[in-house]
PDB file of N, CA and C in Angstrom:
ATOM      1  N   UNK A   1       4.146  17.229   0.697  1.00  0.00           N
ATOM      2  CA  UNK A   1       3.933  16.269   1.673  1.00  0.00           C
ATOM      3  C   UNK A   1       4.701  16.452   2.795  1.00  0.00           C
ATOM      4  N   UNK A   2       5.196  17.623   2.523  1.00  0.00           N
ATOM      5  CA  UNK A   2       6.411  18.079   3.751  1.00  0.00           C
ATOM      6  C   UNK A   2       5.307  18.894   4.962  1.00  0.00           C
ATOM      7  N   UNK A   3       3.986  19.238   4.505  1.00  0.00           N
ATOM      8  CA  UNK A   3       3.308  19.515   5.480  1.00  0.00           C
ATOM      9  C   UNK A   3       2.598  18.744   6.947  1.00  0.00           C
ATOM     10  N   UNK A   4       3.117  17.342   6.084  1.00  0.00           N
ATOM     11  CA  UNK A   4       2.462  16.077   7.081  1.00  0.00           C
ATOM     12  C   UNK A   4       3.604  15.475   7.281  1.00  0.00           C
ATOM     13  N   UNK A   5       5.106  15.819   7.361  1.00  0.00           N
ATOM     14  CA  UNK A   5       5.962  15.473   7.797  1.00  0.00           C
ATOM     15  C   UNK A   5       6.826  16.400   8.945  1.00  0.00           C
ATOM     16  N   UNK A   6       7.671  15.710   9.829  1.00  0.00           N
ATOM     17  CA  UNK A   6       8.207  16.807   9.904  1.00  0.00           C
ATOM     18  C   UNK A   6       9.954  16.339  10.522  1.00  0.00           C
ATOM     19  N   UNK A   7      10.980  17.016  10.615  1.00  0.00           N
ATOM     20  CA  UNK A   7      12.339  16.275  10.550  1.00  0.00           C
ATOM     21  C   UNK A   7      12.750  16.085  11.930  1.00  0.00           C
ATOM     22  N   UNK A   8      12.779  14.767  12.397  1.00  0.00           N
ATOM     23  CA  UNK A   8      13.339  14.837  13.524  1.00  0.00           C
ATOM     24  C   UNK A   8      14.954  15.170  13.691  1.00  0.00           C
ATOM     25  N   UNK A   9      15.711  15.819  14.556  1.00  0.00           N
ATOM     26  CA  UNK A   9      17.341  16.239  14.200  1.00  0.00           C
ATOM     27  C   UNK A   9      17.939  15.362  14.777  1.00  0.00           C
ATOM     28  N   UNK A  10      17.130  14.177  15.901  1.00  0.00           N
ATOM     29  CA  UNK A  10      17.691  13.726  16.643  1.00  0.00           C
ATOM     30  C   UNK A  10      17.674  12.119  15.783  1.00  0.00           C
ATOM     31  N   UNK A  11      17.345  11.770  15.207  1.00  0.00           N
ATOM     32  CA  UNK A  11      17.052  10.649  14.550  1.00  0.00           C
ATOM     33  C   UNK A  11      17.346  10.445  13.020  1.00  0.00           C
ATOM     34  N   UNK A  12      17.431  12.250  12.464  1.00  0.00           N
ATOM     35  CA  UNK A  12      18.222  12.647  11.296  1.00  0.00           C
ATOM     36  C   UNK A  12      17.358  12.042   9.868  1.00  0.00           C
ATOM     37  N   UNK A  13      16.322  12.203  10.051  1.00  0.00           N
ATOM     38  CA  UNK A  13      15.223  11.510   9.099  1.00  0.00           C
ATOM     39  C   UNK A  13      13.655  12.709   9.462  1.00  0.00           C
ATOM     40  N   UNK A  14      12.679  12.364   8.320  1.00  0.00           N
ATOM     41  CA  UNK A  14      11.451  12.694   8.532  1.00  0.00           C
ATOM     42  C   UNK A  14      10.623  11.489   9.335  1.00  0.00           C
ATOM     43  N   UNK A  15       9.925  12.544  10.333  1.00  0.00           N
ATOM     44  CA  UNK A  15       8.526  11.620  10.603  1.00  0.00           C
ATOM     45  C   UNK A  15       7.106  11.938  10.539  1.00  0.00           C
ATOM     46  N   UNK A  16       6.436  11.168  10.227  1.00  0.00           N
ATOM     47  CA  UNK A  16       4.829  11.527   9.854  1.00  0.00           C
ATOM     48  C   UNK A  16       4.792  12.998  10.978  1.00  0.00           C
ATOM     49  N   UNK A  17       3.777  13.545  10.769  1.00  0.00           N
ATOM     50  CA  UNK A  17       3.261  14.668  11.752  1.00  0.00           C
ATOM     51  C   UNK A  17       2.002  14.797  11.174  1.00  0.00           C
ATOM     52  N   UNK A  18       0.720  13.588  11.511  1.00  0.00           N
ATOM     53  CA  UNK A  18      -0.569  13.740  10.748  1.00  0.00           C
ATOM     54  C   UNK A  18      -1.344  14.488  12.377  1.00  0.00           C
ATOM     55  N   UNK A  19      -1.656  15.963  11.251  1.00  0.00           N
ATOM     56  CA  UNK A  19      -2.755  16.700  12.947  1.00  0.00           C
ATOM     57  C   UNK A  19      -4.276  16.277  12.261  1.00  0.00           C
ATOM     58  N   UNK A  20      -4.463  15.330  11.237  1.00  0.00           N
ATOM     59  CA  UNK A  20      -6.002  15.076  11.231  1.00  0.00           C
ATOM     60  C   UNK A  20      -6.545  13.337  10.955  1.00  0.00           C
ATOM     61  N   UNK A  21      -7.046  13.213  11.752  1.00  0.00           N
ATOM     62  CA  UNK A  21      -7.741  11.523  12.212  1.00  0.00           C
ATOM     63  C   UNK A  21      -7.522  10.877  10.326  1.00  0.00           C
ATOM     64  N   UNK A  22      -7.128   9.914  10.578  1.00  0.00           N
ATOM     65  CA  UNK A  22      -6.499   9.155   9.032  1.00  0.00           C
ATOM     66  C   UNK A  22      -7.716   9.475   7.975  1.00  0.00           C
ATOM     67  N   UNK A  23      -8.896   9.188   8.454  1.00  0.00           N
ATOM     68  CA  UNK A  23     -10.525   8.552   7.756  1.00  0.00           C
ATOM     69  C   UNK A  23     -10.537  10.333   7.232  1.00  0.00           C
ATOM     70  N   UNK A  24      -9.861  11.068   7.721  1.00  0.00           N
ATOM     71  CA  UNK A  24     -10.376  12.853   7.367  1.00  0.00           C
ATOM     72  C   UNK A  24      -9.386  13.218   5.733  1.00  0.00           C
ATOM     73  N   UNK A  25      -8.614  12.297   5.838  1.00  0.00           N
ATOM     74  CA  UNK A  25      -8.176  12.954   4.349  1.00  0.00           C
ATOM     75  C   UNK A  25      -8.298  11.658   3.432  1.00  0.00           C
ATOM     76  N   UNK A  26      -8.457  12.389   1.744  1.00  0.00           N
ATOM     77  CA  UNK A  26      -9.109  11.362   0.632  1.00  0.00           C
ATOM     78  C   UNK A  26      -7.859  10.791   0.351  1.00  0.00           C
ATOM     79  N   UNK A  27      -8.725   9.653  -0.046  1.00  0.00           N
ATOM     80  CA  UNK A  27      -7.559   8.501  -0.822  1.00  0.00           C
ATOM     81  C   UNK A  27      -6.638   8.503  -1.253  1.00  0.00           C
ATOM     82  N   UNK A  28      -6.660   9.538  -2.408  1.00  0.00           N
ATOM     83  CA  UNK A  28      -5.629  10.367  -3.007  1.00  0.00           C
ATOM     84  C   UNK A  28      -4.314  10.228  -2.187  1.00  0.00           C
ATOM     85  N   UNK A  29      -4.505  11.264  -1.121  1.00  0.00           N
ATOM     86  CA  UNK A  29      -4.085  12.055   0.103  1.00  0.00           C
ATOM     87  C   UNK A  29      -3.180  10.955   0.607  1.00  0.00           C
ATOM     88  N   UNK A  30      -3.934  10.342   1.693  1.00  0.00           N
ATOM     89  CA  UNK A  30      -3.804   8.869   2.020  1.00  0.00           C
ATOM     90  C   UNK A  30      -2.208   8.108   1.293  1.00  0.00           C
ATOM     91  N   UNK A  31      -2.986   7.817   0.256  1.00  0.00           N
ATOM     92  CA  UNK A  31      -1.952   7.158  -0.709  1.00  0.00           C
ATOM     93  C   UNK A  31      -0.297   8.006  -1.120  1.00  0.00           C
ATOM     94  N   UNK A  32      -0.420   9.223  -1.029  1.00  0.00           N
ATOM     95  CA  UNK A  32       0.523  10.039  -1.174  1.00  0.00           C
ATOM     96  C   UNK A  32       1.546   9.956   0.143  1.00  0.00           C
ATOM     97  N   UNK A  33       0.638  10.165   1.499  1.00  0.00           N
ATOM     98  CA  UNK A  33       1.493  10.081   2.443  1.00  0.00           C
ATOM     99  C   UNK A  33       2.255   8.654   2.983  1.00  0.00           C
ATOM    100  N   UNK A  34       1.631   7.915   2.198  1.00  0.00           N
ATOM    101  CA  UNK A  34       2.142   6.169   2.642  1.00  0.00           C
ATOM    102  C   UNK A  34       3.172   6.070   1.956  1.00  0.00           C
ATOM    103  N   UNK A  35       3.296   6.601   0.111  1.00  0.00           N
ATOM    104  CA  UNK A  35       4.308   6.420  -0.723  1.00  0.00           C
ATOM    105  C   UNK A  35       5.495   7.235  -0.237  1.00  0.00           C
ATOM    106  N   UNK A  36       5.291   8.422   0.494  1.00  0.00           N
ATOM    107  CA  UNK A  36       5.977   9.462   0.798  1.00  0.00           C
ATOM    108  C   UNK A  36       6.801   8.882   1.986  1.00  0.00           C
ATOM    109  N   UNK A  37       6.092   8.035   2.874  1.00  0.00           N
ATOM    110  CA  UNK A  37       5.906   7.361   4.140  1.00  0.00           C
ATOM    111  C   UNK A  37       7.751   6.363   3.901  1.00  0.00           C
ATOM    112  N   UNK A  38       6.424   5.534   2.527  1.00  0.00           N
ATOM    113  CA  UNK A  38       7.728   4.679   2.395  1.00  0.00           C
ATOM    114  C   UNK A  38       9.168   5.021   2.096  1.00  0.00           C
ATOM    115  N   UNK A  39       9.246   6.046   1.347  1.00  0.00           N
ATOM    116  CA  UNK A  39      10.392   6.411   0.980  1.00  0.00           C
ATOM    117  C   UNK A  39      11.290   6.447   1.791  1.00  0.00           C
ATOM    118  N   UNK A  40      10.635   7.311   3.093  1.00  0.00           N
ATOM    119  CA  UNK A  40      11.741   7.506   4.144  1.00  0.00           C
ATOM    120  C   UNK A  40      12.840   6.470   5.141  1.00  0.00           C
ATOM    121  N   UNK A  41      10.921   5.469   5.012  1.00  0.00           N
ATOM    122  CA  UNK A  41      11.268   4.040   5.734  1.00  0.00           C
ATOM    123  C   UNK A  41      12.657   3.342   5.006  1.00  0.00           C
ATOM    124  N   UNK A  42      12.299   3.314   3.462  1.00  0.00           N
ATOM    125  CA  UNK A  42      13.535   3.033   3.174  1.00  0.00           C
ATOM    126  C   UNK A  42      14.981   3.286   3.289  1.00  0.00           C
ATOM    127  N   UNK A  43      14.685   4.603   3.838  1.00  0.00           N
ATOM    128  CA  UNK A  43      16.479   5.006   3.761  1.00  0.00           C
ATOM    129  C   UNK A  43      16.702   4.437   5.584  1.00  0.00           C
ATOM    130  N   UNK A  44      16.359   4.050   6.375  1.00  0.00           N
ATOM    131  CA  UNK A  44      15.923   4.196   7.509  1.00  0.00           C
ATOM    132  C   UNK A  44      17.266   2.831   8.046  1.00  0.00           C
ATOM    133  N   UNK A  45      17.422   1.895   7.274  1.00  0.00           N
ATOM    134  CA  UNK A  45      18.740   0.748   7.209  1.00  0.00           C
ATOM    135  C   UNK A  45      19.845   1.642   6.652  1.00  0.00           C
ATOM    136  N   UNK A  46      20.025   2.194   6.177  1.00  0.00           N
ATOM    137  CA  UNK A  46      21.090   2.895   5.810  1.00  0.00           C
ATOM    138  C   UNK A  46      21.286   3.684   6.708  1.00  0.00           C
ATOM    139  N   UNK A  47      20.499   4.619   7.268  1.00  0.00           N
ATOM    140  CA  UNK A  47      20.787   5.598   8.251  1.00  0.00           C
ATOM    141  C   UNK A  47      21.131   5.305   9.703  1.00  0.00           C
ATOM    142  N   UNK A  48      20.927   3.682   9.701  1.00  0.00           N
ATOM    143  CA  UNK A  48      21.241   2.653  10.706  1.00  0.00           C
ATOM    144  C   UNK A  48      23.004   1.975  10.789  1.00  0.00           C
ATOM    145  N   UNK A  49      23.072   1.699   9.729  1.00  0.00           N
ATOM    146  CA  UNK A  49      24.314   1.448   8.839  1.00  0.00           C
ATOM    147  C   UNK A  49      25.230   2.463   9.140  1.00  0.00           C
ATOM    148  N   UNK A  50      25.276   3.630   8.778  1.00  0.00           N
ATOM    149  CA  UNK A  50      26.143   4.856   9.305  1.00  0.00           C
ATOM    150  C   UNK A  50      26.498   5.004  10.953  1.00  0.00           C
ATOM    151  N   UNK A  51      25.551   5.195  11.559  1.00  0.00           N
ATOM    152  CA  UNK A  51      25.549   5.091  13.190  1.00  0.00           C
ATOM    153  C   UNK A  51      26.421   3.805  13.734  1.00  0.00           C
ATOM    154  N   UNK A  52      26.012   2.556  13.499  1.00  0.00           N
ATOM    155  CA  UNK A  52      26.232   1.461  13.734  1.00  0.00           C
ATOM    156  C   UNK A  52      28.184   1.809  13.238  1.00  0.00           C
ATOM    157  N   UNK A  53      28.606   2.205  12.074  1.00  0.00           N
ATOM    158  CA  UNK A  53      30.112   2.375  12.099  1.00  0.00           C
ATOM    159  C   UNK A  53      30.238   3.660  12.245  1.00  0.00           C
ATOM    160  N   UNK A  54      29.614   4.660  12.960  1.00  0.00           N
ATOM    161  CA  UNK A  54      30.292   5.178  13.909  1.00  0.00           C
ATOM    162  C   UNK A  54      30.311   4.841  15.035  1.00  0.00           C
ATOM    163  N   UNK A  55      29.705   4.277  15.747  1.00  0.00           N
ATOM    164  CA  UNK A  55      30.115   3.029  16.946  1.00  0.00           C
ATOM    165  C   UNK A  55      30.656   2.467  16.793  1.00  0.00           C
ATOM    166  N   UNK A  56      30.811   1.698  15.821  1.00  0.00           N
ATOM    167  CA  UNK A  56      32.396   1.297  15.688  1.00  0.00           C
ATOM    168  C   UNK A  56      33.650   1.861  15.606  1.00  0.00           C
ATOM    169  N   UNK A  57      33.556   2.905  14.829  1.00  0.00           N
ATOM    170  CA  UNK A  57      34.958   3.737  15.481  1.00  0.00           C
ATOM    171  C   UNK A  57      35.249   4.611  16.867  1.00  0.00           C
ATOM    172  N   UNK A  58      33.778   4.877  17.524  1.00  0.00           N
ATOM    173  CA  UNK A  58      34.390   5.250  18.540  1.00  0.00           C
ATOM    174  C   UNK A  58      34.826   4.086  19.632  1.00  0.00           C
ATOM    175  N   UNK A  59      34.204   3.234  19.237  1.00  0.00           N
ATOM    176  CA  UNK A  59      34.384   1.558  20.140  1.00  0.00           C
ATOM    177  C   UNK A  59      36.273   1.045  19.790  1.00  0.00           C
ATOM    178  N   UNK A  60      36.614   1.519  19.259  1.00  0.00           N
ATOM    179  CA  UNK A  60      38.215   1.520  18.847  1.00  0.00           C
ATOM    180  C   UNK A  60      38.896   2.213  19.116  1.00  0.00           C
ATOM    181  N   UNK A  61      38.387   3.885  19.318  1.00  0.00           N
ATOM    182  CA  UNK A  61      38.907   4.874  20.043  1.00  0.00           C
ATOM    183  C   UNK A  61      39.243   4.713  21.136  1.00  0.00           C
ATOM    184  N   UNK A  62      37.984   4.246  22.101  1.00  0.00           N
ATOM    185  CA  UNK A  62      37.573   3.657  22.944  1.00  0.00           C
ATOM    186  C   UNK A  62      38.570   2.426  23.493  1.00  0.00           C
ATOM    187  N   UNK A  63      38.911   1.779  23.132  1.00  0.00           N
ATOM    188  CA  UNK A  63      40.183   0.313  23.560  1.00  0.00           C
ATOM    189  C   UNK A  63      41.548   1.002  23.972  1.00  0.00           C
ATOM    190  N   UNK A  64      41.396   2.279  23.125  1.00  0.00           N
ATOM    191  CA  UNK A  64      43.024   2.974  22.857  1.00  0.00           C
ATOM    192  C   UNK A  64      42.532   3.889  24.407  1.00  0.00           C
ATOM    193  N   UNK A  65      41.878   4.118  24.112  1.00  0.00           N
ATOM    194  CA  UNK A  65      41.847   5.692  25.216  1.00  0.00           C
ATOM    195  C   UNK A  65      42.498   5.409  26.600  1.00  0.00           C
ATOM    196  N   UNK A  66      43.001   6.241  27.038  1.00  0.00           N
ATOM    197  CA  UNK A  66      43.616   6.003  28.681  1.00  0.00           C
ATOM    198  C   UNK A  66      42.876   6.769  29.352  1.00  0.00           C
ATOM    199  N   UNK A  67      42.349   8.163  29.109  1.00  0.00           N
ATOM    200  CA  UNK A  67      41.912   9.491  29.727  1.00  0.00           C
ATOM    201  C   UNK A  67      40.759   9.080  30.109  1.00  0.00           C
ATOM    202  N   UNK A  68      40.269   8.978  31.656  1.00  0.00           N
ATOM    203  CA  UNK A  68      39.192   8.649  32.409  1.00  0.00           C
ATOM    204  C   UNK A  68      37.712   9.793  31.574  1.00  0.00           C
ATOM    205  N   UNK A  69      38.029  10.768  31.359  1.00  0.00           N
ATOM    206  CA  UNK A  69      36.784  11.665  31.351  1.00  0.00           C
ATOM    207  C   UNK A  69      36.813  11.654  29.679  1.00  0.00           C
ATOM    208  N   UNK A  70      37.230  11.370  29.058  1.00  0.00           N
ATOM    209  CA  UNK A  70      37.474  11.192  27.241  1.00  0.00           C
ATOM    210  C   UNK A  70      36.653   9.570  27.034  1.00  0.00           C
ATOM    211  N   UNK A  71      37.204   8.453  28.041  1.00  0.00           N
ATOM    212  CA  UNK A  71      36.220   7.389  28.017  1.00  0.00           C
ATOM    213  C   UNK A  71      35.293   7.254  28.690  1.00  0.00           C
ATOM    214  N   UNK A  72      34.696   8.016  29.522  1.00  0.00           N
ATOM    215  CA  UNK A  72      33.149   8.537  29.942  1.00  0.00           C
ATOM    216  C   UNK A  72      32.039   9.096  28.922  1.00  0.00           C
ATOM    217  N   UNK A  73      33.202  10.098  27.789  1.00  0.00           N
ATOM    218  CA  UNK A  73      32.461  10.908  26.783  1.00  0.00           C
ATOM    219  C   UNK A  73      32.188  10.277  25.768  1.00  0.00           C
ATOM    220  N   UNK A  74      33.134   8.955  25.299  1.00  0.00           N
ATOM    221  CA  UNK A  74      33.120   8.118  24.082  1.00  0.00           C
ATOM    222  C   UNK A  74      32.145   7.261  24.259  1.00  0.00           C
ATOM    223  N   UNK A  75      31.420   6.580  25.775  1.00  0.00           N
ATOM    224  CA  UNK A  75      30.836   5.893  26.242  1.00  0.00           C
ATOM    225  C   UNK A  75      29.277   6.481  26.616  1.00  0.00           C
ATOM    226  N   UNK A  76      29.302   7.693  26.480  1.00  0.00           N
ATOM    227  CA  UNK A  76      28.095   8.697  26.581  1.00  0.00           C
ATOM    228  C   UNK A  76      27.357   8.455  25.150  1.00  0.00           C
ATOM    229  N   UNK A  77      28.763   8.960  24.056  1.00  0.00           N
ATOM    230  CA  UNK A  77      28.345   9.460  22.698  1.00  0.00           C
ATOM    231  C   UNK A  77      27.957   7.591  22.255  1.00  0.00           C
ATOM    232  N   UNK A  78      28.097   6.656  22.695  1.00  0.00           N
ATOM    233  CA  UNK A  78      27.882   5.426  22.502  1.00  0.00           C
ATOM    234  C   UNK A  78      26.784   5.090  22.375  1.00  0.00           C
ATOM    235  N   UNK A  79      26.325   5.187  23.687  1.00  0.00           N
ATOM    236  CA  UNK A  79      25.102   5.148  24.083  1.00  0.00           C
ATOM    237  C   UNK A  79      23.758   5.914  23.714  1.00  0.00           C
ATOM    238  N   UNK A  80      24.066   6.809  23.247  1.00  0.00           N
ATOM    239  CA  UNK A  80      23.145   7.518  22.444  1.00  0.00           C
ATOM    240  C   UNK A  80      22.763   7.290  21.312  1.00  0.00           C
ATOM    241  N   UNK A  81      24.048   7.135  20.376  1.00  0.00           N
ATOM    242  CA  UNK A  81      23.774   6.620  19.233  1.00  0.00           C
ATOM    243  C   UNK A  81      23.052   4.700  19.169  1.00  0.00           C
ATOM    244  N   UNK A  82      23.269   4.046  20.438  1.00  0.00           N
ATOM    245  CA  UNK A  82      22.808   3.279  20.007  1.00  0.00           C
ATOM    246  C   UNK A  82      21.163   3.142  20.611  1.00  0.00           C
ATOM    247  N   UNK A  83      20.794   4.420  21.442  1.00  0.00           N
ATOM    248  CA  UNK A  83      19.203   4.753  21.693  1.00  0.00           C
ATOM    249  C   UNK A  83      19.115   5.451  20.407  1.00  0.00           C
ATOM    250  N   UNK A  84      19.644   5.899  19.433  1.00  0.00           N
ATOM    251  CA  UNK A  84      19.102   6.305  18.515  1.00  0.00           C
ATOM    252  C   UNK A  84      18.485   5.268  16.892  1.00  0.00           C
ATOM    253  N   UNK A  85      19.627   4.286  16.879  1.00  0.00           N
ATOM    254  CA  UNK A  85      19.462   2.619  16.588  1.00  0.00           C
ATOM    255  C   UNK A  85      18.443   2.676  17.107  1.00  0.00           C
ATOM    256  N   UNK A  86      18.120   2.575  18.060  1.00  0.00           N
ATOM    257  CA  UNK A  86      17.110   1.570  18.933  1.00  0.00           C
ATOM    258  C   UNK A  86      15.724   2.442  18.299  1.00  0.00           C
ATOM    259  N   UNK A  87      15.332   3.782  18.336  1.00  0.00           N
ATOM    260  CA  UNK A  87      14.499   4.095  18.035  1.00  0.00           C
ATOM    261  C   UNK A  87      14.213   4.605  16.777  1.00  0.00           C
ATOM    262  N   UNK A  88      15.315   4.217  15.795  1.00  0.00           N
ATOM    263  CA  UNK A  88      15.216   4.014  14.165  1.00  0.00           C
ATOM    264  C   UNK A  88      14.149   3.036  13.748  1.00  0.00           C
ATOM    265  N   UNK A  89      14.786   1.725  14.376  1.00  0.00           N
ATOM    266  CA  UNK A  89      14.126   0.371  14.736  1.00  0.00           C
ATOM    267  C   UNK A  89      12.600   0.242  14.615  1.00  0.00           C
ATOM    268  N   UNK A  90      12.271   1.026  15.850  1.00  0.00           N
ATOM    269  CA  UNK A  90      11.025   0.817  16.036  1.00  0.00           C
ATOM    270  C   UNK A  90      10.111   1.443  15.395  1.00  0.00           C
ATOM    271  N   UNK A  91      10.725   2.466  14.412  1.00  0.00           N
ATOM    272  CA  UNK A  91      10.016   3.259  13.452  1.00  0.00           C
ATOM    273  C   UNK A  91       9.784   2.684  12.167  1.00  0.00           C
ATOM    274  N   UNK A  92      10.875   1.381  12.128  1.00  0.00           N
ATOM    275  CA  UNK A  92      10.889   1.091  10.916  1.00  0.00           C
ATOM    276  C   UNK A  92       9.700   0.116  11.144  1.00  0.00           C
ATOM    277  N   UNK A  93       9.837  -0.517  12.147  1.00  0.00           N
ATOM    278  CA  UNK A  93       8.819  -1.940  12.218  1.00  0.00           C
ATOM    279  C   UNK A  93       7.783  -1.469  12.602  1.00  0.00           C
ATOM    280  N   UNK A  94       7.332  -0.591  13.626  1.00  0.00           N
ATOM    281  CA  UNK A  94       6.019  -0.278  13.278  1.00  0.00           C
ATOM    282  C   UNK A  94       5.141   0.538  12.340  1.00  0.00           C
ATOM    283  N   UNK A  95       5.798   1.119  11.685  1.00  0.00           N
ATOM    284  CA  UNK A  95       4.870   1.598  10.684  1.00  0.00           C
ATOM    285  C   UNK A  95       5.130   0.639   9.290  1.00  0.00           C
ATOM    286  N   UNK A  96       6.063  -0.200   9.308  1.00  0.00           N
ATOM    287  CA  UNK A  96       5.528  -1.193   8.550  1.00  0.00           C
ATOM    288  C   UNK A  96       4.143  -1.767   8.869  1.00  0.00           C
ATOM    289  N   UNK A  97       3.739  -2.540  10.055  1.00  0.00           N
ATOM    290  CA  UNK A  97       2.846  -2.857  10.059  1.00  0.00           C
ATOM    291  C   UNK A  97       1.762  -1.667   9.907  1.00  0.00           C
ATOM    292  N   UNK A  98       1.745  -0.406  10.204  1.00  0.00           N
ATOM    293  CA  UNK A  98       0.504   0.403  10.033  1.00  0.00           C
ATOM    294  C   UNK A  98       0.324   0.387   8.421  1.00  0.00           C
ATOM    295  N   UNK A  99       1.830   0.341   8.067  1.00  0.00           N
ATOM    296  CA  UNK A  99       1.307   0.508   6.415  1.00  0.00           C
ATOM    297  C   UNK A  99       0.584  -0.187   5.809  1.00  0.00           C
ATOM    298  N   UNK A 100       1.084  -1.765   6.243  1.00  0.00           N
ATOM    299  CA  UNK A 100       0.330  -2.739   5.270  1.00  0.00           C
ATOM    300  C   UNK A 100      -1.090  -2.797   5.733  1.00  0.00           C
ATOM    301  N   UNK A 101      -1.643  -2.316   7.143  1.00  0.00           N
ATOM    302  CA  UNK A 101      -3.042  -2.201   7.426  1.00  0.00           C
ATOM    303  C   UNK A 101      -3.511  -1.198   6.786  1.00  0.00           C
ATOM    304  N   UNK A 102      -2.925  -0.070   6.700  1.00  0.00           N
ATOM    305  CA  UNK A 102      -3.505   0.639   6.004  1.00  0.00           C
ATOM    306  C   UNK A 102      -4.070   0.503   4.182  1.00  0.00           C
ATOM    307  N   UNK A 103      -3.244  -0.351   3.700  1.00  0.00           N
ATOM    308  CA  UNK A 103      -3.035  -0.900   2.509  1.00  0.00           C
ATOM    309  C   UNK A 103      -4.248  -1.828   1.953  1.00  0.00           C
ATOM    310  N   UNK A 104      -4.829  -2.159   3.142  1.00  0.00           N
ATOM    311  CA  UNK A 104      -5.950  -3.028   3.197  1.00  0.00           C
ATOM    312  C   UNK A 104      -7.071  -2.731   3.517  1.00  0.00           C
TER     313      UNK A 104
END
């Protein structure tokens, strides 16, 4: 299945990388791709929880930080982590709908 997915460094998960139209795959390959994606998709909430913990640590550090450049850096890091979380939720929800439709 790895040839139908590629690792996204920013998000920290594998994402679908389908090169053909869905209908060009055999039913067995479609089922295998969906199964593999569901396994990956199942890890997204845990990945989000880890990122939220990191944000919480950085926010705690930010509340005690008096160095302005470091405060700016922490804010930038927090914003990037929040952006990653948002993108992960989009993948989680969007592909839930796609998976349901493909099963029917």
